[in-house]
Amino acid sequence: MSTEAATEKKRTGRAYAGQSLAERRDIRRRALIDAGIRVYGSDGFRAATVKLVCREAGLTERYFYESFANNEALFAAIYKQLVNEIEQAQTHAMAAVDDDPVAMSRAGLTVFFERMRNPHVARILLIEIFGISSDIDRMYRSATFGFARLLQERLARLFTLDDLGAVDPRVLATGLIGSTIHIAMYWALSDYRDSLETVVESSLALYSALALSLDSSG
């Protein structure tokens, strides 16, 4: 192939071995994300290096910097992906039992704890997320508040939330999300000593109590 032809091929991103330049870049990016989940989830973010992630992904460092500025940028991408996957799966599971608050809560909690049963995912979302940087802290708060807003919206569709006295639905939803997160942390740190059913039903007890309380107040 002539130099001119090679340059044109690079410029246009023409398919190579059946894949375009953009497709190959996307494959490498996904390989780095998968490797990052394994490395950060096993060794922790602070013990990880770009070289270690690249070795796990089977790529050279130049391909890392093709997609990510540094380790923190990769961690942020991983966190966002994992949170989005959980949120989408919960939305789908809860939609199947809409208008039944207890069944909705059980469906959403089952999805969440099933994902937390992966120790790599649990370590990244529940432990490693803290103290990396102010930007990562803000991302964590945004994700947590996002889950709380979704929960509040679902509660509002099922119950009248405008006559609860001093009870603030926003604070209530945030508290429920916080309780779920801490149960998951306890579960992961205890090496999953309890069964999935136990942690789901134990967490559900709080949601069930809320449903009964709001139903009786209405």
N, C-alpha and C. Protein backbone atom coordinates (compact mmCIF):
# COMPACT_ATOMS: atom_id res chain seq x y z
N MET A 1 0.84 -1.19 0.00
CA MET A 1 0.00 0.00 0.00
C MET A 1 0.88 1.25 0.00
N SER A 2 0.57 2.20 -0.86
CA SER A 2 1.37 3.43 -0.95
C SER A 2 1.16 4.28 0.29
N THR A 3 2.12 5.23 0.49
CA THR A 3 2.00 6.14 1.63
C THR A 3 0.73 6.97 1.54
N GLU A 4 0.40 7.41 0.33
CA GLU A 4 -0.81 8.23 0.14
C GLU A 4 -2.07 7.43 0.49
N ALA A 5 -2.10 6.16 0.07
CA ALA A 5 -3.26 5.33 0.35
C ALA A 5 -3.40 5.07 1.84
N ALA A 6 -2.25 4.84 2.50
CA ALA A 6 -2.29 4.60 3.94
C ALA A 6 -2.78 5.83 4.69
N THR A 7 -2.32 7.01 4.25
CA THR A 7 -2.75 8.25 4.89
C THR A 7 -4.24 8.46 4.72
N GLU A 8 -4.76 8.19 3.52
CA GLU A 8 -6.19 8.36 3.26
C GLU A 8 -7.01 7.38 4.09
N LYS A 9 -6.50 6.16 4.21
CA LYS A 9 -7.21 5.17 5.01
C LYS A 9 -7.30 5.61 6.46
N LYS A 10 -6.20 6.15 7.00
CA LYS A 10 -6.20 6.63 8.37
C LYS A 10 -7.13 7.82 8.52
N ARG A 11 -7.12 8.71 7.52
CA ARG A 11 -7.91 9.94 7.62
C ARG A 11 -9.40 9.64 7.60
N THR A 12 -9.83 8.73 6.78
CA THR A 12 -11.26 8.46 6.64
C THR A 12 -11.77 7.43 7.63
N GLY A 13 -10.88 6.75 8.32
CA GLY A 13 -11.32 5.72 9.25
C GLY A 13 -11.92 4.53 8.54
N ARG A 14 -11.45 4.25 7.36
CA ARG A 14 -11.97 3.13 6.57
C ARG A 14 -11.80 1.82 7.34
N ALA A 15 -12.71 0.88 7.14
CA ALA A 15 -12.72 -0.37 7.88
C ALA A 15 -11.41 -1.13 7.70
N TYR A 16 -10.92 -1.69 8.77
CA TYR A 16 -9.73 -2.53 8.76
C TYR A 16 -10.10 -3.84 9.42
N ALA A 17 -9.91 -4.94 8.70
CA ALA A 17 -10.30 -6.27 9.19
C ALA A 17 -11.78 -6.27 9.57
N GLY A 18 -12.59 -5.56 8.78
CA GLY A 18 -14.02 -5.54 9.01
C GLY A 18 -14.49 -4.52 10.02
N GLN A 19 -13.57 -3.74 10.61
CA GLN A 19 -13.93 -2.77 11.64
C GLN A 19 -13.36 -1.40 11.29
N SER A 20 -14.17 -0.36 11.52
CA SER A 20 -13.70 0.99 11.27
C SER A 20 -12.79 1.42 12.41
N LEU A 21 -12.11 2.54 12.20
CA LEU A 21 -11.24 3.10 13.25
C LEU A 21 -12.05 3.40 14.49
N ALA A 22 -13.25 3.98 14.32
CA ALA A 22 -14.09 4.32 15.47
C ALA A 22 -14.52 3.06 16.22
N GLU A 23 -14.83 2.00 15.48
CA GLU A 23 -15.25 0.75 16.11
C GLU A 23 -14.11 0.14 16.91
N ARG A 24 -12.90 0.17 16.35
CA ARG A 24 -11.75 -0.39 17.08
C ARG A 24 -11.45 0.43 18.33
N ARG A 25 -11.59 1.74 18.23
CA ARG A 25 -11.38 2.59 19.39
C ARG A 25 -12.40 2.29 20.48
N ASP A 26 -13.64 2.06 20.07
CA ASP A 26 -14.69 1.75 21.03
C ASP A 26 -14.43 0.40 21.70
N ILE A 27 -13.95 -0.56 20.93
CA ILE A 27 -13.62 -1.88 21.50
C ILE A 27 -12.51 -1.74 22.54
N ARG A 28 -11.49 -0.94 22.22
CA ARG A 28 -10.39 -0.74 23.18
C ARG A 28 -10.89 -0.03 24.43
N ARG A 29 -11.78 0.94 24.26
CA ARG A 29 -12.31 1.68 25.41
C ARG A 29 -13.09 0.74 26.32
N ARG A 30 -13.91 -0.11 25.73
CA ARG A 30 -14.68 -1.06 26.53
C ARG A 30 -13.77 -2.08 27.22
N ALA A 31 -12.68 -2.46 26.56
CA ALA A 31 -11.73 -3.39 27.18
C ALA A 31 -11.07 -2.75 28.39
N LEU A 32 -10.77 -1.47 28.29
CA LEU A 32 -10.17 -0.75 29.42
C LEU A 32 -11.15 -0.61 30.57
N ILE A 33 -12.41 -0.36 30.26
CA ILE A 33 -13.43 -0.27 31.31
C ILE A 33 -13.59 -1.61 32.02
N ASP A 34 -13.66 -2.69 31.26
CA ASP A 34 -13.78 -4.02 31.86
C ASP A 34 -12.56 -4.34 32.72
N ALA A 35 -11.38 -3.98 32.22
CA ALA A 35 -10.15 -4.21 32.98
C ALA A 35 -10.14 -3.36 34.24
N GLY A 36 -10.59 -2.11 34.12
CA GLY A 36 -10.64 -1.23 35.28
C GLY A 36 -11.55 -1.76 36.37
N ILE A 37 -12.68 -2.33 35.98
CA ILE A 37 -13.59 -2.91 36.97
C ILE A 37 -12.88 -4.02 37.74
N ARG A 38 -12.14 -4.86 37.02
CA ARG A 38 -11.43 -5.95 37.69
C ARG A 38 -10.30 -5.44 38.57
N VAL A 39 -9.54 -4.47 38.07
CA VAL A 39 -8.39 -3.97 38.83
C VAL A 39 -8.83 -3.13 40.02
N TYR A 40 -9.69 -2.14 39.80
CA TYR A 40 -10.16 -1.30 40.90
C TYR A 40 -10.96 -2.12 41.90
N GLY A 41 -11.71 -3.11 41.38
CA GLY A 41 -12.52 -3.93 42.26
C GLY A 41 -11.73 -4.94 43.05
N SER A 42 -10.52 -5.25 42.61
CA SER A 42 -9.66 -6.22 43.32
C SER A 42 -8.61 -5.54 44.18
N ASP A 43 -7.87 -4.61 43.58
CA ASP A 43 -6.73 -3.98 44.25
C ASP A 43 -7.07 -2.62 44.87
N GLY A 44 -8.19 -2.02 44.45
CA GLY A 44 -8.52 -0.68 44.92
C GLY A 44 -7.98 0.38 43.99
N PHE A 45 -8.65 1.51 43.95
CA PHE A 45 -8.24 2.57 43.03
C PHE A 45 -6.84 3.09 43.35
N ARG A 46 -6.52 3.27 44.59
CA ARG A 46 -5.25 3.89 44.97
C ARG A 46 -4.05 2.99 44.71
N ALA A 47 -4.27 1.71 44.64
CA ALA A 47 -3.17 0.78 44.35
C ALA A 47 -3.02 0.53 42.86
N ALA A 48 -3.98 1.01 42.08
CA ALA A 48 -3.96 0.75 40.65
C ALA A 48 -3.11 1.78 39.92
N THR A 49 -2.57 1.38 38.79
CA THR A 49 -1.82 2.27 37.90
C THR A 49 -2.33 2.08 36.49
N VAL A 50 -2.03 3.06 35.64
CA VAL A 50 -2.41 2.94 34.24
C VAL A 50 -1.77 1.70 33.64
N LYS A 51 -0.53 1.45 33.99
CA LYS A 51 0.19 0.28 33.46
C LYS A 51 -0.50 -1.01 33.86
N LEU A 52 -0.97 -1.09 35.10
CA LEU A 52 -1.63 -2.29 35.59
C LEU A 52 -2.96 -2.52 34.85
N VAL A 53 -3.71 -1.44 34.65
CA VAL A 53 -4.98 -1.55 33.92
C VAL A 53 -4.73 -2.00 32.49
N CYS A 54 -3.73 -1.40 31.86
CA CYS A 54 -3.41 -1.76 30.47
C CYS A 54 -2.96 -3.20 30.35
N ARG A 55 -2.20 -3.66 31.31
CA ARG A 55 -1.76 -5.06 31.28
C ARG A 55 -2.97 -5.99 31.38
N GLU A 56 -3.92 -5.63 32.25
CA GLU A 56 -5.13 -6.43 32.41
C GLU A 56 -5.96 -6.42 31.13
N ALA A 57 -5.98 -5.28 30.45
CA ALA A 57 -6.76 -5.15 29.21
C ALA A 57 -6.04 -5.72 28.00
N GLY A 58 -4.73 -5.98 28.12
CA GLY A 58 -3.96 -6.47 26.99
C GLY A 58 -3.68 -5.38 25.97
N LEU A 59 -3.54 -4.13 26.44
CA LEU A 59 -3.31 -2.99 25.56
C LEU A 59 -2.10 -2.21 26.02
N THR A 60 -1.51 -1.44 25.12
CA THR A 60 -0.40 -0.57 25.49
C THR A 60 -0.96 0.72 26.06
N GLU A 61 -0.10 1.46 26.77
CA GLU A 61 -0.54 2.68 27.44
C GLU A 61 -1.02 3.75 26.46
N ARG A 62 -0.51 3.76 25.26
CA ARG A 62 -0.94 4.79 24.31
C ARG A 62 -2.41 4.65 23.99
N TYR A 63 -2.92 3.42 24.04
CA TYR A 63 -4.35 3.22 23.81
C TYR A 63 -5.18 3.66 25.01
N PHE A 64 -4.59 3.61 26.20
CA PHE A 64 -5.30 4.13 27.37
C PHE A 64 -5.57 5.62 27.19
N TYR A 65 -4.52 6.35 26.85
CA TYR A 65 -4.66 7.81 26.73
C TYR A 65 -5.43 8.23 25.47
N GLU A 66 -5.72 7.30 24.62
CA GLU A 66 -6.59 7.55 23.49
C GLU A 66 -8.02 7.83 23.97
N SER A 67 -8.40 7.22 25.11
CA SER A 67 -9.77 7.35 25.62
C SER A 67 -9.88 8.06 26.96
N PHE A 68 -8.82 8.01 27.77
CA PHE A 68 -8.91 8.56 29.13
C PHE A 68 -7.68 9.40 29.46
N ALA A 69 -7.93 10.49 30.16
CA ALA A 69 -6.83 11.40 30.51
C ALA A 69 -5.95 10.81 31.60
N ASN A 70 -6.55 10.05 32.52
CA ASN A 70 -5.82 9.48 33.64
C ASN A 70 -6.67 8.41 34.32
N ASN A 71 -6.14 7.86 35.41
CA ASN A 71 -6.85 6.82 36.15
C ASN A 71 -8.20 7.30 36.66
N GLU A 72 -8.24 8.53 37.13
CA GLU A 72 -9.48 9.08 37.67
C GLU A 72 -10.56 9.17 36.60
N ALA A 73 -10.17 9.54 35.40
CA ALA A 73 -11.15 9.63 34.30
C ALA A 73 -11.73 8.26 33.98
N LEU A 74 -10.90 7.22 34.01
CA LEU A 74 -11.39 5.87 33.79
C LEU A 74 -12.33 5.46 34.92
N PHE A 75 -11.95 5.76 36.15
CA PHE A 75 -12.79 5.41 37.29
C PHE A 75 -14.16 6.08 37.17
N ALA A 76 -14.17 7.35 36.78
CA ALA A 76 -15.43 8.08 36.63
C ALA A 76 -16.31 7.43 35.57
N ALA A 77 -15.71 7.02 34.45
CA ALA A 77 -16.46 6.37 33.39
C ALA A 77 -17.05 5.04 33.87
N ILE A 78 -16.27 4.31 34.64
CA ILE A 78 -16.73 3.03 35.17
C ILE A 78 -17.89 3.25 36.14
N TYR A 79 -17.74 4.20 37.03
CA TYR A 79 -18.79 4.48 38.01
C TYR A 79 -20.09 4.85 37.31
N LYS A 80 -20.01 5.75 36.35
CA LYS A 80 -21.22 6.17 35.62
C LYS A 80 -21.86 5.00 34.90
N GLN A 81 -21.06 4.15 34.29
CA GLN A 81 -21.60 3.00 33.56
C GLN A 81 -22.32 2.05 34.52
N LEU A 82 -21.70 1.73 35.65
CA LEU A 82 -22.31 0.80 36.60
C LEU A 82 -23.60 1.36 37.17
N VAL A 83 -23.61 2.64 37.51
CA VAL A 83 -24.82 3.27 38.05
C VAL A 83 -25.93 3.28 37.01
N ASN A 84 -25.59 3.62 35.77
CA ASN A 84 -26.60 3.64 34.70
C ASN A 84 -27.18 2.26 34.45
N GLU A 85 -26.33 1.24 34.50
CA GLU A 85 -26.82 -0.13 34.29
C GLU A 85 -27.81 -0.53 35.39
N ILE A 86 -27.48 -0.18 36.63
CA ILE A 86 -28.38 -0.50 37.74
C ILE A 86 -29.70 0.25 37.60
N GLU A 87 -29.61 1.53 37.30
CA GLU A 87 -30.82 2.34 37.17
C GLU A 87 -31.73 1.82 36.07
N GLN A 88 -31.16 1.47 34.93
CA GLN A 88 -31.97 0.96 33.81
C GLN A 88 -32.61 -0.39 34.16
N ALA A 89 -31.85 -1.25 34.81
CA ALA A 89 -32.38 -2.56 35.18
C ALA A 89 -33.48 -2.42 36.23
N GLN A 90 -33.30 -1.50 37.18
CA GLN A 90 -34.32 -1.28 38.19
C GLN A 90 -35.60 -0.73 37.56
N THR A 91 -35.45 0.23 36.67
CA THR A 91 -36.61 0.81 36.01
C THR A 91 -37.41 -0.25 35.28
N HIS A 92 -36.72 -1.13 34.58
CA HIS A 92 -37.38 -2.20 33.83
C HIS A 92 -38.09 -3.16 34.79
N ALA A 93 -37.40 -3.56 35.88
CA ALA A 93 -37.98 -4.52 36.82
C ALA A 93 -39.18 -3.93 37.55
N MET A 94 -39.08 -2.66 37.93
CA MET A 94 -40.16 -2.03 38.69
C MET A 94 -41.36 -1.72 37.81
N ALA A 95 -41.14 -1.49 36.53
CA ALA A 95 -42.25 -1.20 35.63
C ALA A 95 -43.18 -2.40 35.50
N ALA A 96 -42.64 -3.59 35.70
CA ALA A 96 -43.44 -4.81 35.55
C ALA A 96 -44.44 -4.97 36.70
N VAL A 97 -44.21 -4.26 37.81
CA VAL A 97 -45.11 -4.38 38.96
C VAL A 97 -45.56 -2.99 39.41
N ASP A 98 -45.70 -2.07 38.48
CA ASP A 98 -46.08 -0.69 38.79
C ASP A 98 -47.39 -0.65 39.56
N ASP A 99 -47.51 0.32 40.45
CA ASP A 99 -48.69 0.58 41.29
C ASP A 99 -48.81 -0.36 42.48
N ASP A 100 -47.84 -1.24 42.67
CA ASP A 100 -47.79 -2.07 43.88
C ASP A 100 -46.49 -1.69 44.60
N PRO A 101 -46.56 -0.82 45.60
CA PRO A 101 -45.33 -0.27 46.20
C PRO A 101 -44.39 -1.32 46.79
N VAL A 102 -44.96 -2.35 47.43
CA VAL A 102 -44.11 -3.38 48.02
C VAL A 102 -43.43 -4.20 46.93
N ALA A 103 -44.18 -4.59 45.91
CA ALA A 103 -43.60 -5.37 44.81
C ALA A 103 -42.58 -4.54 44.04
N MET A 104 -42.86 -3.25 43.85
CA MET A 104 -41.91 -2.37 43.18
C MET A 104 -40.60 -2.29 43.96
N SER A 105 -40.74 -2.12 45.28
CA SER A 105 -39.55 -2.02 46.13
C SER A 105 -38.74 -3.30 46.09
N ARG A 106 -39.44 -4.44 46.16
CA ARG A 106 -38.73 -5.73 46.13
C ARG A 106 -38.00 -5.91 44.79
N ALA A 107 -38.65 -5.54 43.71
CA ALA A 107 -38.03 -5.68 42.39
C ALA A 107 -36.78 -4.81 42.27
N GLY A 108 -36.89 -3.54 42.70
CA GLY A 108 -35.76 -2.63 42.62
C GLY A 108 -34.62 -3.06 43.53
N LEU A 109 -34.95 -3.50 44.74
CA LEU A 109 -33.92 -3.94 45.68
C LEU A 109 -33.23 -5.21 45.20
N THR A 110 -33.99 -6.12 44.60
CA THR A 110 -33.39 -7.35 44.09
C THR A 110 -32.36 -7.05 43.02
N VAL A 111 -32.69 -6.15 42.11
CA VAL A 111 -31.73 -5.75 41.08
C VAL A 111 -30.47 -5.16 41.73
N PHE A 112 -30.66 -4.25 42.67
CA PHE A 112 -29.52 -3.59 43.31
C PHE A 112 -28.61 -4.59 44.00
N PHE A 113 -29.18 -5.45 44.83
CA PHE A 113 -28.35 -6.39 45.58
C PHE A 113 -27.75 -7.47 44.68
N GLU A 114 -28.44 -7.83 43.61
CA GLU A 114 -27.83 -8.77 42.66
C GLU A 114 -26.56 -8.18 42.07
N ARG A 115 -26.58 -6.89 41.74
CA ARG A 115 -25.38 -6.24 41.21
C ARG A 115 -24.30 -6.14 42.30
N MET A 116 -24.70 -5.87 43.53
CA MET A 116 -23.73 -5.75 44.62
C MET A 116 -23.12 -7.10 44.99
N ARG A 117 -23.74 -8.19 44.54
CA ARG A 117 -23.19 -9.52 44.82
C ARG A 117 -21.89 -9.74 44.06
N ASN A 118 -21.63 -8.92 43.04
CA ASN A 118 -20.32 -8.93 42.37
C ASN A 118 -19.36 -8.12 43.23
N PRO A 119 -18.36 -8.73 43.85
CA PRO A 119 -17.50 -8.00 44.78
C PRO A 119 -16.74 -6.85 44.13
N HIS A 120 -16.42 -6.96 42.85
CA HIS A 120 -15.74 -5.87 42.15
C HIS A 120 -16.65 -4.65 42.05
N VAL A 121 -17.88 -4.89 41.67
CA VAL A 121 -18.85 -3.79 41.55
C VAL A 121 -19.11 -3.17 42.91
N ALA A 122 -19.30 -4.01 43.92
CA ALA A 122 -19.58 -3.50 45.26
C ALA A 122 -18.43 -2.64 45.79
N ARG A 123 -17.21 -3.08 45.58
CA ARG A 123 -16.07 -2.31 46.08
C ARG A 123 -15.97 -0.96 45.40
N ILE A 124 -16.21 -0.92 44.11
CA ILE A 124 -16.13 0.34 43.37
C ILE A 124 -17.23 1.29 43.78
N LEU A 125 -18.47 0.80 43.85
CA LEU A 125 -19.61 1.68 44.11
C LEU A 125 -19.78 2.04 45.58
N LEU A 126 -19.34 1.16 46.47
CA LEU A 126 -19.62 1.37 47.88
C LEU A 126 -18.41 1.80 48.71
N ILE A 127 -17.20 1.53 48.24
CA ILE A 127 -16.01 1.79 49.05
C ILE A 127 -15.02 2.70 48.34
N GLU A 128 -14.57 2.30 47.15
CA GLU A 128 -13.52 3.04 46.47
C GLU A 128 -13.97 4.43 46.03
N ILE A 129 -15.26 4.65 45.90
CA ILE A 129 -15.80 5.92 45.42
C ILE A 129 -15.45 7.08 46.34
N PHE A 130 -15.19 6.82 47.61
CA PHE A 130 -15.00 7.90 48.58
C PHE A 130 -13.55 8.40 48.64
N GLY A 131 -13.41 9.72 48.65
CA GLY A 131 -12.11 10.34 48.93
C GLY A 131 -11.13 10.39 47.79
N ILE A 132 -11.54 10.11 46.57
CA ILE A 132 -10.61 10.17 45.44
C ILE A 132 -10.32 11.61 45.06
N SER A 133 -11.38 12.38 44.87
CA SER A 133 -11.23 13.80 44.53
C SER A 133 -12.58 14.48 44.74
N SER A 134 -12.56 15.80 44.71
CA SER A 134 -13.81 16.56 44.87
C SER A 134 -14.75 16.30 43.69
N ASP A 135 -14.18 16.10 42.51
CA ASP A 135 -15.02 15.82 41.33
C ASP A 135 -15.73 14.48 41.47
N ILE A 136 -15.02 13.47 41.95
CA ILE A 136 -15.63 12.15 42.14
C ILE A 136 -16.66 12.21 43.26
N ASP A 137 -16.36 12.97 44.31
CA ASP A 137 -17.33 13.14 45.40
C ASP A 137 -18.62 13.75 44.89
N ARG A 138 -18.51 14.75 44.02
CA ARG A 138 -19.70 15.39 43.47
C ARG A 138 -20.48 14.41 42.59
N MET A 139 -19.77 13.58 41.85
CA MET A 139 -20.42 12.59 41.01
C MET A 139 -21.19 11.59 41.86
N TYR A 140 -20.60 11.18 42.98
CA TYR A 140 -21.28 10.25 43.89
C TYR A 140 -22.54 10.89 44.46
N ARG A 141 -22.42 12.13 44.92
CA ARG A 141 -23.60 12.80 45.48
C ARG A 141 -24.70 12.96 44.44
N SER A 142 -24.31 13.29 43.22
CA SER A 142 -25.28 13.46 42.15
C SER A 142 -26.01 12.15 41.86
N ALA A 143 -25.27 11.06 41.84
CA ALA A 143 -25.89 9.75 41.58
C ALA A 143 -26.83 9.35 42.70
N THR A 144 -26.40 9.58 43.95
CA THR A 144 -27.23 9.23 45.10
C THR A 144 -28.50 10.07 45.13
N PHE A 145 -28.36 11.37 44.90
CA PHE A 145 -29.54 12.23 44.87
C PHE A 145 -30.45 11.87 43.70
N GLY A 146 -29.84 11.41 42.60
CA GLY A 146 -30.63 11.00 41.45
C GLY A 146 -31.50 9.79 41.79
N PHE A 147 -30.93 8.80 42.48
CA PHE A 147 -31.71 7.65 42.91
C PHE A 147 -32.82 8.08 43.87
N ALA A 148 -32.49 9.01 44.77
CA ALA A 148 -33.49 9.49 45.72
C ALA A 148 -34.63 10.21 45.01
N ARG A 149 -34.31 11.00 44.00
CA ARG A 149 -35.36 11.71 43.24
C ARG A 149 -36.28 10.72 42.53
N LEU A 150 -35.68 9.68 41.95
CA LEU A 150 -36.49 8.67 41.28
C LEU A 150 -37.41 7.97 42.26
N LEU A 151 -36.89 7.65 43.43
CA LEU A 151 -37.71 7.00 44.45
C LEU A 151 -38.84 7.93 44.90
N GLN A 152 -38.51 9.20 45.09
CA GLN A 152 -39.53 10.17 45.50
C GLN A 152 -40.64 10.28 44.45
N GLU A 153 -40.25 10.29 43.19
CA GLU A 153 -41.24 10.38 42.11
C GLU A 153 -42.16 9.15 42.11
N ARG A 154 -41.59 7.98 42.35
CA ARG A 154 -42.40 6.77 42.37
C ARG A 154 -43.34 6.76 43.56
N LEU A 155 -42.84 7.24 44.70
CA LEU A 155 -43.70 7.32 45.88
C LEU A 155 -44.85 8.30 45.64
N ALA A 156 -44.55 9.40 44.96
CA ALA A 156 -45.57 10.41 44.70
C ALA A 156 -46.68 9.89 43.80
N ARG A 157 -46.36 8.92 42.93
CA ARG A 157 -47.38 8.35 42.04
C ARG A 157 -48.31 7.41 42.80
N LEU A 158 -47.83 6.93 43.95
CA LEU A 158 -48.59 5.92 44.68
C LEU A 158 -49.29 6.47 45.92
N PHE A 159 -48.72 7.55 46.47
CA PHE A 159 -49.26 8.08 47.71
C PHE A 159 -49.40 9.59 47.63
N THR A 160 -50.25 10.13 48.50
CA THR A 160 -50.36 11.58 48.63
C THR A 160 -49.27 12.04 49.58
N LEU A 161 -48.33 12.82 49.06
CA LEU A 161 -47.17 13.23 49.86
C LEU A 161 -47.23 14.68 50.29
N ASP A 162 -48.41 15.30 50.13
CA ASP A 162 -48.49 16.72 50.46
C ASP A 162 -49.14 16.97 51.81
N ASP A 163 -49.40 15.93 52.59
CA ASP A 163 -50.03 16.10 53.90
C ASP A 163 -49.34 15.22 54.93
N LEU A 164 -48.02 15.36 55.00
CA LEU A 164 -47.23 14.53 55.91
C LEU A 164 -46.67 15.33 57.08
N GLY A 165 -47.22 16.52 57.30
CA GLY A 165 -46.74 17.33 58.40
C GLY A 165 -45.30 17.76 58.19
N ALA A 166 -44.46 17.47 59.18
CA ALA A 166 -43.06 17.89 59.12
C ALA A 166 -42.20 16.92 58.31
N VAL A 167 -42.78 15.82 57.85
CA VAL A 167 -42.02 14.84 57.06
C VAL A 167 -41.78 15.38 55.66
N ASP A 168 -40.52 15.41 55.25
CA ASP A 168 -40.15 15.88 53.91
C ASP A 168 -39.93 14.68 53.01
N PRO A 169 -40.72 14.52 51.93
CA PRO A 169 -40.56 13.36 51.05
C PRO A 169 -39.14 13.22 50.48
N ARG A 170 -38.48 14.34 50.23
CA ARG A 170 -37.13 14.31 49.69
C ARG A 170 -36.17 13.70 50.71
N VAL A 171 -36.28 14.13 51.96
CA VAL A 171 -35.42 13.59 53.03
C VAL A 171 -35.76 12.12 53.26
N LEU A 172 -37.03 11.79 53.21
CA LEU A 172 -37.48 10.42 53.41
C LEU A 172 -36.87 9.49 52.36
N ALA A 173 -36.92 9.90 51.10
CA ALA A 173 -36.36 9.09 50.02
C ALA A 173 -34.85 8.96 50.16
N THR A 174 -34.19 10.04 50.53
CA THR A 174 -32.74 10.00 50.73
C THR A 174 -32.37 9.03 51.85
N GLY A 175 -33.17 9.02 52.91
CA GLY A 175 -32.92 8.11 54.02
C GLY A 175 -33.08 6.65 53.62
N LEU A 176 -34.07 6.38 52.80
CA LEU A 176 -34.28 5.00 52.33
C LEU A 176 -33.11 4.54 51.46
N ILE A 177 -32.68 5.42 50.56
CA ILE A 177 -31.53 5.08 49.71
C ILE A 177 -30.30 4.83 50.58
N GLY A 178 -30.08 5.70 51.58
CA GLY A 178 -28.93 5.54 52.47
C GLY A 178 -28.96 4.22 53.23
N SER A 179 -30.14 3.83 53.68
CA SER A 179 -30.25 2.56 54.42
C SER A 179 -29.90 1.38 53.51
N THR A 180 -30.33 1.44 52.27
CA THR A 180 -30.04 0.37 51.32
C THR A 180 -28.54 0.28 51.05
N ILE A 181 -27.90 1.44 50.87
CA ILE A 181 -26.47 1.47 50.61
C ILE A 181 -25.69 0.87 51.78
N HIS A 182 -26.09 1.21 53.00
CA HIS A 182 -25.36 0.71 54.17
C HIS A 182 -25.59 -0.78 54.39
N ILE A 183 -26.77 -1.27 54.08
CA ILE A 183 -26.99 -2.72 54.15
C ILE A 183 -26.10 -3.43 53.13
N ALA A 184 -25.99 -2.85 51.94
CA ALA A 184 -25.13 -3.44 50.91
C ALA A 184 -23.67 -3.42 51.34
N MET A 185 -23.23 -2.32 51.97
CA MET A 185 -21.85 -2.25 52.47
C MET A 185 -21.59 -3.33 53.51
N TYR A 186 -22.52 -3.46 54.44
CA TYR A 186 -22.38 -4.50 55.47
C TYR A 186 -22.30 -5.88 54.84
N TRP A 187 -23.14 -6.12 53.85
CA TRP A 187 -23.19 -7.42 53.17
C TRP A 187 -21.87 -7.73 52.48
N ALA A 188 -21.34 -6.75 51.75
CA ALA A 188 -20.10 -6.95 51.02
C ALA A 188 -18.92 -7.14 51.98
N LEU A 189 -18.86 -6.31 53.01
CA LEU A 189 -17.74 -6.38 53.96
C LEU A 189 -17.78 -7.66 54.80
N SER A 190 -18.96 -8.26 54.94
CA SER A 190 -19.07 -9.53 55.67
C SER A 190 -18.87 -10.72 54.75
N ASP A 191 -18.38 -10.44 53.53
CA ASP A 191 -18.11 -11.49 52.54
C ASP A 191 -19.39 -12.25 52.18
N TYR A 192 -20.49 -11.50 52.08
CA TYR A 192 -21.77 -12.05 51.64
C TYR A 192 -22.23 -13.22 52.50
N ARG A 193 -22.10 -13.01 53.81
CA ARG A 193 -22.46 -14.08 54.76
C ARG A 193 -23.95 -14.42 54.68
N ASP A 194 -24.78 -13.40 54.48
CA ASP A 194 -26.22 -13.62 54.39
C ASP A 194 -26.64 -13.89 52.95
N SER A 195 -27.78 -14.50 52.78
CA SER A 195 -28.28 -14.81 51.45
C SER A 195 -28.82 -13.56 50.78
N LEU A 196 -28.96 -13.62 49.46
CA LEU A 196 -29.55 -12.51 48.72
C LEU A 196 -30.96 -12.24 49.22
N GLU A 197 -31.73 -13.29 49.46
CA GLU A 197 -33.10 -13.11 49.94
C GLU A 197 -33.13 -12.39 51.28
N THR A 198 -32.19 -12.71 52.16
CA THR A 198 -32.15 -12.09 53.48
C THR A 198 -31.92 -10.59 53.39
N VAL A 199 -30.96 -10.17 52.58
CA VAL A 199 -30.67 -8.73 52.51
C VAL A 199 -31.78 -7.98 51.78
N VAL A 200 -32.37 -8.62 50.77
CA VAL A 200 -33.47 -7.97 50.06
C VAL A 200 -34.66 -7.79 51.00
N GLU A 201 -35.05 -8.85 51.69
CA GLU A 201 -36.23 -8.78 52.55
C GLU A 201 -35.98 -7.89 53.77
N SER A 202 -34.75 -7.87 54.27
CA SER A 202 -34.44 -7.00 55.41
C SER A 202 -34.52 -5.54 55.01
N SER A 203 -33.99 -5.22 53.84
CA SER A 203 -34.09 -3.86 53.35
C SER A 203 -35.53 -3.51 53.00
N LEU A 204 -36.25 -4.49 52.46
CA LEU A 204 -37.65 -4.28 52.08
C LEU A 204 -38.51 -3.95 53.29
N ALA A 205 -38.15 -4.46 54.46
CA ALA A 205 -38.94 -4.20 55.67
C ALA A 205 -39.08 -2.69 55.90
N LEU A 206 -38.03 -1.93 55.60
CA LEU A 206 -38.09 -0.47 55.77
C LEU A 206 -39.06 0.14 54.76
N TYR A 207 -39.00 -0.34 53.52
CA TYR A 207 -39.89 0.18 52.48
C TYR A 207 -41.34 -0.21 52.77
N SER A 208 -41.53 -1.43 53.26
CA SER A 208 -42.88 -1.89 53.58
C SER A 208 -43.48 -1.07 54.71
N ALA A 209 -42.66 -0.78 55.72
CA ALA A 209 -43.14 0.03 56.82
C ALA A 209 -43.54 1.43 56.34
N LEU A 210 -42.76 1.96 55.43
CA LEU A 210 -43.09 3.27 54.86
C LEU A 210 -44.41 3.21 54.09
N ALA A 211 -44.57 2.15 53.28
CA ALA A 211 -45.79 2.02 52.50
C ALA A 211 -47.02 1.94 53.40
N LEU A 212 -46.92 1.16 54.48
CA LEU A 212 -48.04 1.03 55.40
C LEU A 212 -48.33 2.36 56.10
N SER A 213 -47.27 3.06 56.48
CA SER A 213 -47.43 4.33 57.17
C SER A 213 -48.10 5.37 56.28
N LEU A 214 -47.62 5.47 55.03
CA LEU A 214 -48.19 6.45 54.12
C LEU A 214 -49.62 6.08 53.73
N ASP A 215 -49.87 4.78 53.61
CA ASP A 215 -51.20 4.33 53.23
C ASP A 215 -52.21 4.66 54.33
N SER A 216 -51.80 4.45 55.60
CA SER A 216 -52.70 4.72 56.71
C SER A 216 -52.92 6.20 56.93
N SER A 217 -51.88 7.00 56.61
CA SER A 217 -52.01 8.45 56.78
C SER A 217 -52.89 9.06 55.71
N GLY A 218 -52.97 8.35 54.54
CA GLY A 218 -53.83 8.86 53.47
C GLY A 218 -55.27 8.52 53.75
